[in-house]
Amino acid sequence: MRRTRTLAGIGIAAAALLALTACNSGTPSNPGGDAGGDEGEDSTWFEVASDVTVDDSPTFERITDRDKVVVGVKEDQPGLGYLDVTSGERTGFDVDIARWIAASLGYDEDKIEFKPIASANREQAIVNGDIDYYVGTYSINDKRKEQIDFAGPYFITGQGLLVAADADEADKLEDFNGKTVCSATGSTPIQNIKANFPDIKTQEYDLYSACVQDLIDGKVDAVTTDQAILIGYAAQYPDDVKVTGGLFTEERYGVGLEKGDDALRAHINDLFTENPDIWQAIFDKNLGSSGIEVEQPEVDAY
């Protein structure tokens, strides 16, 4: 089932929204439902499942043995995966998707360990068993599927550009021939530029936030990654940077899993397919005030 939404500006306020705490209260239609008397603050839009079994899933077996879910995430992407270093609070669409999956497996917030993993290290972290699954603007592609599997997609966006607030508008990547564009090491956008735009100079860091700082400092001419991420930075630094141009690619975000764990992949795909209202509530909370049209895509049950 497809669901269409309109995004309107991921503001920095997205990071200040109430974090979901996975307690047994609240519904998609009543996300502020009562949770033991204090309405709102301790409520969520999904319940923690009980008596869960995912037969033939080695990942679920590991989770059960340690009685904890270990999730790989990003923590420098406002509105998607963000860690407030002062409060220790994690917020964002991807983070809440990760919480929802954990709840479907029977694990509350206090049984989730979030691990920040750089883009270049995601496949290895999954292969090594360092994390149980990864939710963090993780584009599905065939090369990655040689090492891991993906559930989803649960979100579709595309490569965009972030430039200085006073820079000229740019309509295509060729506008940056001879200039320097920054992105995360190992990310799909930087691989796209290296493969297809040899006249563009590149700068790479583990974190997109380092690229944005270089842009603000005038050390690079643009930052490129998925437009959903860039909107968050543009809202965070409205006097310094802006999103320019359209989308240059289509990126389909998936949940990274151990290769061959068909049982867990099917479980997560069913979760997305059968609960569009919960997906919508999580989307609205984190990204519902931006200005980009997106759809909840149909999963690829390969």
Protein backbone atom coordinates (compact mmCIF):
# COMPACT_ATOMS: atom_id res chain seq x y z
CA MET A 1 0.00 0.00 0.00
CA ARG A 2 1.36 3.40 -0.92
CA ARG A 3 1.02 6.45 1.27
CA THR A 4 1.75 9.95 -0.01
CA ARG A 5 2.88 12.79 2.18
CA THR A 6 4.19 16.29 1.73
CA LEU A 7 7.34 17.26 3.63
CA ALA A 8 7.79 20.93 4.63
CA GLY A 9 11.22 21.95 6.19
CA ILE A 10 12.93 19.75 8.68
CA GLY A 11 13.62 22.34 11.31
CA ILE A 12 16.09 22.02 14.10
CA ALA A 13 12.97 21.80 16.22
CA ALA A 14 12.64 18.24 14.95
CA ALA A 15 15.50 17.33 17.23
CA ALA A 16 13.61 18.76 20.16
CA LEU A 17 10.42 16.77 19.59
CA LEU A 18 9.59 14.20 22.22
CA ALA A 19 11.56 11.02 21.72
CA LEU A 20 9.51 7.88 21.41
CA THR A 21 9.80 5.67 24.45
CA ALA A 22 8.69 2.17 23.69
CA CYS A 23 6.03 1.64 26.32
CA ASN A 24 2.80 -0.27 25.92
CA SER A 25 0.60 2.71 25.21
CA GLY A 26 -0.69 4.92 22.45
CA THR A 27 -1.89 4.25 18.92
CA PRO A 28 -1.25 5.78 15.51
CA SER A 29 -4.49 7.73 15.79
CA ASN A 30 -3.74 8.76 19.37
CA PRO A 31 0.02 9.18 19.68
CA GLY A 32 -0.40 11.07 22.92
CA GLY A 33 -2.41 8.34 24.57
CA ASP A 34 -2.27 7.86 28.31
CA ALA A 35 0.74 5.99 29.59
CA GLY A 36 0.22 5.36 33.22
CA GLY A 37 -1.31 8.74 33.93
CA ASP A 38 1.07 11.28 32.34
CA GLU A 39 -0.42 11.86 28.93
CA GLY A 40 2.03 12.59 26.12
CA GLU A 41 5.53 12.40 27.52
CA ASP A 42 5.71 8.63 28.02
CA SER A 43 3.56 7.57 25.10
CA THR A 44 4.33 6.05 21.74
CA TRP A 45 2.54 5.16 18.52
CA PHE A 46 3.23 1.46 18.71
CA GLU A 47 3.18 -1.19 21.38
CA VAL A 48 5.97 -3.48 22.44
CA ALA A 49 5.03 -6.94 21.27
CA SER A 50 5.05 -9.92 23.60
CA ASP A 51 5.77 -13.61 23.06
CA VAL A 52 7.55 -12.90 19.78
CA THR A 53 9.18 -15.64 17.74
CA VAL A 54 11.03 -15.21 14.46
CA ASP A 55 11.82 -18.79 13.49
CA ASP A 56 15.02 -19.48 11.59
CA SER A 57 16.43 -15.99 12.17
CA PRO A 58 20.03 -16.10 13.42
CA THR A 59 19.82 -12.39 14.22
CA PHE A 60 16.75 -12.82 16.40
CA GLU A 61 18.44 -15.73 18.14
CA ARG A 62 21.39 -13.47 19.04
CA ILE A 63 19.03 -10.76 20.23
CA THR A 64 17.21 -13.27 22.43
CA ASP A 65 20.44 -14.67 23.89
CA ARG A 66 21.73 -11.22 24.91
CA ASP A 67 18.26 -9.85 25.74
CA LYS A 68 19.08 -6.64 23.91
CA VAL A 69 18.78 -5.17 20.41
CA VAL A 70 21.89 -3.50 18.97
CA VAL A 71 21.04 -1.04 16.20
CA GLY A 72 23.38 0.87 13.91
CA VAL A 73 22.34 4.49 13.35
CA LYS A 74 23.47 7.95 12.30
CA GLU A 75 23.48 10.71 14.89
CA ASP A 76 24.36 13.88 12.99
CA GLN A 77 21.32 14.16 10.70
CA PRO A 78 18.58 16.44 12.08
CA GLY A 79 15.11 15.04 11.47
CA LEU A 80 16.45 11.60 10.52
CA GLY A 81 19.07 10.40 12.99
CA TYR A 82 20.21 12.95 15.55
CA LEU A 83 21.83 12.81 18.99
CA ASP A 84 21.53 15.83 21.26
CA VAL A 85 24.87 15.64 23.03
CA THR A 86 23.61 17.79 25.89
CA SER A 87 20.52 15.79 26.76
CA GLY A 88 21.57 12.44 25.31
CA GLU A 89 18.23 12.29 23.48
CA ARG A 90 18.01 10.58 20.10
CA THR A 91 15.41 11.77 17.60
CA GLY A 92 14.56 11.39 13.94
CA PHE A 93 12.59 9.38 11.44
CA ASP A 94 15.22 6.64 11.10
CA VAL A 95 15.68 6.37 14.86
CA ASP A 96 11.96 5.96 15.39
CA ILE A 97 11.78 3.36 12.63
CA ALA A 98 14.54 1.48 14.47
CA ARG A 99 12.56 1.74 17.73
CA TRP A 100 9.42 0.48 16.00
CA ILE A 101 11.27 -2.58 14.66
CA ALA A 102 12.70 -3.32 18.11
CA ALA A 103 9.22 -3.02 19.64
CA SER A 104 7.87 -5.48 17.06
CA LEU A 105 10.52 -7.93 18.25
CA GLY A 106 9.47 -7.47 21.88
CA TYR A 107 12.09 -4.99 23.06
CA ASP A 108 11.44 -1.75 24.91
CA GLU A 109 13.59 1.39 24.77
CA ASP A 110 15.71 0.28 27.71
CA LYS A 111 16.66 -2.86 25.78
CA ILE A 112 18.01 -1.01 22.72
CA GLU A 113 21.66 -0.13 22.29
CA PHE A 114 22.23 2.45 19.55
CA LYS A 115 25.64 2.35 17.85
CA PRO A 116 26.75 5.18 15.56
CA ILE A 117 28.34 3.64 12.47
CA ALA A 118 30.01 5.68 9.72
CA SER A 119 28.72 5.17 6.17
CA ALA A 120 31.89 3.43 5.01
CA ASN A 121 31.69 0.84 7.83
CA ARG A 122 28.05 -0.22 7.64
CA GLU A 123 28.36 -3.44 5.67
CA GLN A 124 31.30 -4.62 7.75
CA ALA A 125 29.46 -3.91 11.00
CA ILE A 126 26.56 -6.08 9.81
CA VAL A 127 28.83 -8.85 8.47
CA ASN A 128 30.79 -8.91 11.73
CA GLY A 129 27.62 -9.13 13.82
CA ASP A 130 28.49 -5.89 15.63
CA ILE A 131 24.89 -4.74 15.11
CA ASP A 132 21.62 -6.57 14.55
CA TYR A 133 20.32 -4.19 11.92
CA TYR A 134 21.09 -0.73 10.56
CA VAL A 135 18.64 2.12 10.06
CA GLY A 136 20.32 5.30 8.89
CA THR A 137 19.71 6.74 5.39
CA TYR A 138 21.05 3.46 4.00
CA SER A 139 20.50 3.31 0.23
CA ILE A 140 19.72 -0.12 -1.22
CA ASN A 141 21.98 -1.10 -4.11
CA ASP A 142 23.19 -4.29 -5.77
CA LYS A 143 26.80 -3.93 -4.63
CA ARG A 144 25.78 -3.77 -0.97
CA LYS A 145 23.41 -6.69 -1.48
CA GLU A 146 26.42 -8.85 -2.31
CA GLN A 147 27.35 -8.66 1.39
CA ILE A 148 24.10 -7.98 3.23
CA ASP A 149 20.33 -8.01 2.79
CA PHE A 150 17.83 -5.18 3.04
CA ALA A 151 14.29 -4.98 4.37
CA GLY A 152 12.16 -2.25 2.83
CA PRO A 153 12.54 0.20 1.26
CA TYR A 154 10.78 2.32 3.85
CA PHE A 155 11.61 5.74 2.35
CA ILE A 156 12.54 7.22 -1.04
CA THR A 157 14.53 10.40 -1.62
CA GLY A 158 17.29 11.46 -4.04
CA GLN A 159 20.70 13.09 -4.25
CA GLY A 160 20.64 16.86 -3.79
CA LEU A 161 23.02 19.74 -3.20
CA LEU A 162 23.64 22.14 -0.33
CA VAL A 163 25.47 25.40 -1.08
CA ALA A 164 26.27 28.66 0.68
CA ALA A 165 23.26 30.88 1.27
CA ASP A 166 24.63 33.57 -1.03
CA ALA A 167 25.76 31.18 -3.80
CA ASP A 168 24.20 31.07 -7.25
CA GLU A 169 21.51 28.50 -7.83
CA ALA A 170 22.73 25.25 -9.40
CA ASP A 171 20.58 23.09 -11.63
CA LYS A 172 22.95 20.22 -12.38
CA LEU A 173 26.06 18.58 -11.00
CA GLU A 174 28.09 19.81 -13.97
CA ASP A 175 27.76 23.32 -12.52
CA PHE A 176 30.43 22.22 -10.03
CA ASN A 177 33.07 21.17 -12.56
CA GLY A 178 36.40 22.43 -11.23
CA LYS A 179 34.88 23.00 -7.79
CA THR A 180 34.94 20.89 -4.62
CA VAL A 181 31.95 18.90 -3.43
CA CYS A 182 31.93 17.13 -0.06
CA SER A 183 30.12 14.03 1.14
CA ALA A 184 30.52 11.08 3.50
CA THR A 185 33.15 8.47 2.76
CA GLY A 186 31.54 5.43 1.16
CA SER A 187 28.22 7.15 0.54
CA THR A 188 26.27 6.63 -2.69
CA PRO A 189 26.46 10.34 -3.69
CA ILE A 190 30.26 10.55 -3.49
CA GLN A 191 30.56 7.31 -5.43
CA ASN A 192 28.22 8.75 -8.08
CA ILE A 193 30.37 11.87 -8.47
CA LYS A 194 33.65 9.95 -8.67
CA ALA A 195 32.26 7.55 -11.27
CA ASN A 196 30.37 10.00 -13.47
CA PHE A 197 31.73 13.53 -12.90
CA PRO A 198 35.55 13.38 -13.07
CA ASP A 199 35.89 17.17 -13.37
CA ILE A 200 34.43 17.68 -9.88
CA LYS A 201 36.88 17.64 -6.99
CA THR A 202 35.76 15.70 -3.92
CA GLN A 203 36.30 15.97 -0.20
CA GLU A 204 35.25 13.14 2.13
CA TYR A 205 34.64 12.80 5.86
CA ASP A 206 33.05 10.16 8.08
CA LEU A 207 30.28 12.60 9.07
CA TYR A 208 28.11 14.87 6.93
CA SER A 209 28.28 17.47 9.67
CA ALA A 210 32.01 17.91 8.92
CA CYS A 211 31.14 18.61 5.28
CA VAL A 212 28.55 21.19 6.33
CA GLN A 213 31.09 22.91 8.58
CA ASP A 214 33.56 23.07 5.68
CA LEU A 215 30.84 24.61 3.52
CA ILE A 216 30.08 27.26 6.15
CA ASP A 217 33.82 27.95 6.47
CA GLY A 218 34.19 28.34 2.68
CA LYS A 219 36.49 25.33 2.29
CA VAL A 220 34.18 23.46 -0.13
CA ASP A 221 31.66 24.68 -2.68
CA ALA A 222 28.82 22.25 -1.98
CA VAL A 223 27.73 19.28 0.09
CA THR A 224 25.92 16.46 -1.62
CA THR A 225 23.85 13.69 -0.12
CA ASP A 226 20.20 12.75 0.02
CA GLN A 227 18.00 15.81 -0.09
CA ALA A 228 16.12 14.76 3.03
CA ILE A 229 19.37 15.09 4.99
CA LEU A 230 20.30 18.42 3.42
CA ILE A 231 16.98 20.01 4.32
CA GLY A 232 17.71 19.35 7.97
CA TYR A 233 21.03 21.17 7.75
CA ALA A 234 19.50 24.07 5.80
CA ALA A 235 16.96 24.49 8.57
CA GLN A 236 19.67 24.26 11.22
CA TYR A 237 21.84 26.94 9.54
CA PRO A 238 19.35 29.08 7.55
CA ASP A 239 21.66 32.11 7.38
CA ASP A 240 24.60 30.11 6.08
CA VAL A 241 23.42 27.43 3.65
CA LYS A 242 20.55 26.51 1.32
CA VAL A 243 19.36 23.55 -0.76
CA THR A 244 19.66 24.12 -4.50
CA GLY A 245 18.54 22.31 -7.65
CA GLY A 246 16.45 19.19 -7.91
CA LEU A 247 17.07 15.49 -7.36
CA PHE A 248 19.82 13.83 -9.37
CA THR A 249 19.18 10.22 -8.36
CA GLU A 250 16.62 8.05 -6.63
CA GLU A 251 17.71 6.65 -3.27
CA ARG A 252 15.68 3.90 -1.62
CA TYR A 253 16.36 3.62 2.11
CA GLY A 254 16.37 0.13 3.54
CA VAL A 255 17.10 -1.64 6.81
CA GLY A 256 20.46 -3.39 6.57
CA LEU A 257 20.46 -7.01 7.80
CA GLU A 258 22.66 -10.07 7.90
CA LYS A 259 22.73 -11.70 4.47
CA GLY A 260 20.50 -14.74 4.31
CA ASP A 261 18.34 -13.80 7.30
CA ASP A 262 15.18 -14.14 5.25
CA ALA A 263 13.00 -14.60 8.32
CA LEU A 264 13.87 -11.26 9.90
CA ARG A 265 13.70 -9.48 6.53
CA ALA A 266 10.19 -10.86 6.00
CA HIS A 267 9.19 -9.85 9.54
CA ILE A 268 10.27 -6.24 8.99
CA ASN A 269 8.72 -6.09 5.52
CA ASP A 270 5.43 -7.32 6.96
CA LEU A 271 5.67 -4.71 9.71
CA PHE A 272 5.96 -1.92 7.13
CA THR A 273 3.28 -3.32 4.82
CA GLU A 274 0.67 -4.08 7.45
CA ASN A 275 0.96 -0.89 9.51
CA PRO A 276 0.85 2.15 7.19
CA ASP A 277 -0.76 4.32 9.86
CA ILE A 278 2.17 3.81 12.20
CA TRP A 279 4.64 4.63 9.43
CA GLN A 280 2.59 7.75 8.73
CA ALA A 281 2.57 8.84 12.38
CA ILE A 282 6.34 8.45 12.65
CA PHE A 283 6.80 10.31 9.37
CA ASP A 284 4.54 13.17 10.40
CA LYS A 285 6.28 13.59 13.73
CA ASN A 286 9.77 13.86 12.28
CA LEU A 287 9.45 15.09 8.70
CA GLY A 288 5.89 16.25 8.36
CA SER A 289 6.72 19.95 8.36
CA SER A 290 9.05 19.93 5.34
CA GLY A 291 8.30 20.64 1.64
CA ILE A 292 9.21 17.55 -0.38
CA GLU A 293 6.74 15.01 -1.69
CA VAL A 294 7.53 11.43 -0.70
CA GLU A 295 5.72 8.13 -0.61
CA GLN A 296 5.79 5.19 1.71
CA PRO A 297 7.05 2.72 -0.89
CA GLU A 298 6.03 -0.83 -1.40
CA VAL A 299 8.59 -3.22 0.04
CA ASP A 300 10.79 -5.31 -2.21
CA ALA A 301 10.13 -8.84 -0.98
CA TYR A 302 12.94 -10.42 -3.01
